[in-house]
Amino acid sequence: MKVEYKSMFLGVFSGIIGVVIILFVLGNVETEFSFTTGDPIKKNKNINVSINRTIDNGEDLTNVIIKGSGKVTREELDAELERLLQEHGIDKNNSNINIEIEINN
């Protein structure tokens, strides 16, 4: 049995053209093409908080160190800090509190 490639390619080509015309006539069709190679990008977010409370000469001193790494924003660090301070009952407006914030990308 002999396969005629010319007829096969003509059939495939006319099929593709037919599908495109039908999609064009039926309406607005949105298409999106995405191609990636390699490992997927990891959305790594790490937030580490250290709270040290000490009493020195009758004064309550609080040191808070918050470190963020990866794709962490300042707003996320502030939200986490507010949540933890509220959880531990620490007043942010207290004059005896020291807050250090670090972001490493």
Protein backbone atom coordinates (compact mmCIF):
# COMPACT_ATOMS: atom_id res chain seq x y z
CA MET A 1 0.00 0.00 0.00
CA LYS A 2 1.42 3.33 -1.06
CA VAL A 3 0.88 6.37 1.15
CA GLU A 4 0.70 9.66 -0.68
CA TYR A 5 2.26 12.24 1.57
CA LYS A 6 1.05 15.15 -0.55
CA SER A 7 -2.60 14.22 0.13
CA MET A 8 -1.91 13.62 3.83
CA PHE A 9 -0.26 17.04 4.33
CA LEU A 10 -3.05 18.71 2.35
CA GLY A 11 -5.64 17.07 4.66
CA VAL A 12 -3.81 18.08 7.85
CA PHE A 13 -3.32 21.64 6.58
CA SER A 14 -6.96 22.02 5.57
CA GLY A 15 -8.04 20.64 8.99
CA ILE A 16 -5.94 23.20 10.86
CA ILE A 17 -7.23 26.03 8.68
CA GLY A 18 -10.82 24.81 9.24
CA VAL A 19 -10.44 24.78 13.02
CA VAL A 20 -8.91 28.28 13.03
CA ILE A 21 -11.73 29.63 10.86
CA ILE A 22 -14.39 28.04 13.10
CA LEU A 23 -12.81 29.50 16.24
CA PHE A 24 -12.51 32.91 14.57
CA VAL A 25 -16.15 32.87 13.49
CA LEU A 26 -17.50 31.66 16.85
CA GLY A 27 -16.12 34.54 18.85
CA ASN A 28 -13.33 35.98 20.85
CA VAL A 29 -11.10 33.13 21.94
CA GLU A 30 -8.30 33.89 24.35
CA THR A 31 -5.22 31.69 24.14
CA GLU A 32 -2.18 31.59 26.34
CA PHE A 33 1.06 29.75 25.75
CA SER A 34 3.58 29.09 28.50
CA PHE A 35 6.90 27.31 28.21
CA THR A 36 9.38 26.73 31.03
CA THR A 37 12.56 24.75 31.33
CA GLY A 38 14.49 23.65 34.36
CA ASP A 39 13.36 23.59 37.95
CA PRO A 40 10.27 25.56 38.92
CA ILE A 41 10.86 28.77 40.84
CA LYS A 42 10.33 28.22 44.53
CA LYS A 43 8.42 30.88 46.40
CA ASN A 44 10.43 30.54 49.54
CA LYS A 45 9.39 32.70 52.48
CA ASN A 46 10.99 32.36 55.88
CA ILE A 47 10.29 34.58 58.87
CA ASN A 48 12.21 34.09 62.10
CA VAL A 49 11.33 36.07 65.22
CA SER A 50 13.32 36.21 68.44
CA ILE A 51 11.86 37.91 71.54
CA ASN A 52 14.11 38.38 74.58
CA ARG A 53 12.64 39.92 77.74
CA THR A 54 15.01 40.84 80.54
CA ILE A 55 14.68 42.76 83.78
CA ASP A 56 17.66 45.00 84.45
CA ASN A 57 17.69 47.26 87.55
CA GLY A 58 13.93 46.92 87.90
CA GLU A 59 13.26 47.85 84.24
CA ASP A 60 11.59 45.45 81.82
CA LEU A 61 13.65 45.48 78.60
CA THR A 62 12.40 43.73 75.46
CA ASN A 63 14.56 42.99 72.41
CA VAL A 64 12.75 41.80 69.28
CA ILE A 65 14.69 40.59 66.25
CA ILE A 66 12.72 39.65 63.14
CA LYS A 67 14.52 38.22 60.12
CA GLY A 68 12.94 37.53 56.77
CA SER A 69 14.50 35.64 53.88
CA GLY A 70 13.30 34.71 50.44
CA LYS A 71 10.47 36.63 48.80
CA VAL A 72 9.28 38.28 52.01
CA THR A 73 7.95 41.84 51.96
CA ARG A 74 8.22 44.46 54.67
CA GLU A 75 4.43 44.39 55.08
CA GLU A 76 4.49 40.64 55.80
CA LEU A 77 7.20 41.13 58.42
CA ASP A 78 5.24 43.97 60.06
CA ALA A 79 2.04 41.87 60.12
CA GLU A 80 3.86 38.91 61.71
CA LEU A 81 5.51 41.24 64.24
CA GLU A 82 2.16 42.79 65.21
CA ARG A 83 0.59 39.35 65.59
CA LEU A 84 3.39 38.05 67.85
CA LEU A 85 3.55 41.19 69.98
CA GLN A 86 -0.19 41.02 70.53
CA GLU A 87 0.02 37.28 71.29
CA HIS A 88 2.69 37.87 73.98
CA GLY A 89 1.03 40.99 75.39
CA ILE A 90 3.88 43.36 74.51
CA ASP A 91 3.09 47.05 73.95
CA LYS A 92 4.88 48.29 70.81
CA ASN A 93 4.76 51.91 72.02
CA ASN A 94 6.70 51.05 75.19
CA SER A 95 9.95 52.99 75.44
CA ASN A 96 11.84 49.92 76.69
CA ILE A 97 11.43 47.91 73.48
CA ASN A 98 14.08 47.48 70.81
CA ILE A 99 12.95 46.14 67.42
CA GLU A 100 15.40 45.08 64.70
CA ILE A 101 14.16 44.05 61.25
CA GLU A 102 16.34 42.35 58.61
CA ILE A 103 15.37 41.23 55.12
CA ASN A 104 17.69 38.92 53.16
CA ASN A 105 16.75 38.05 49.59
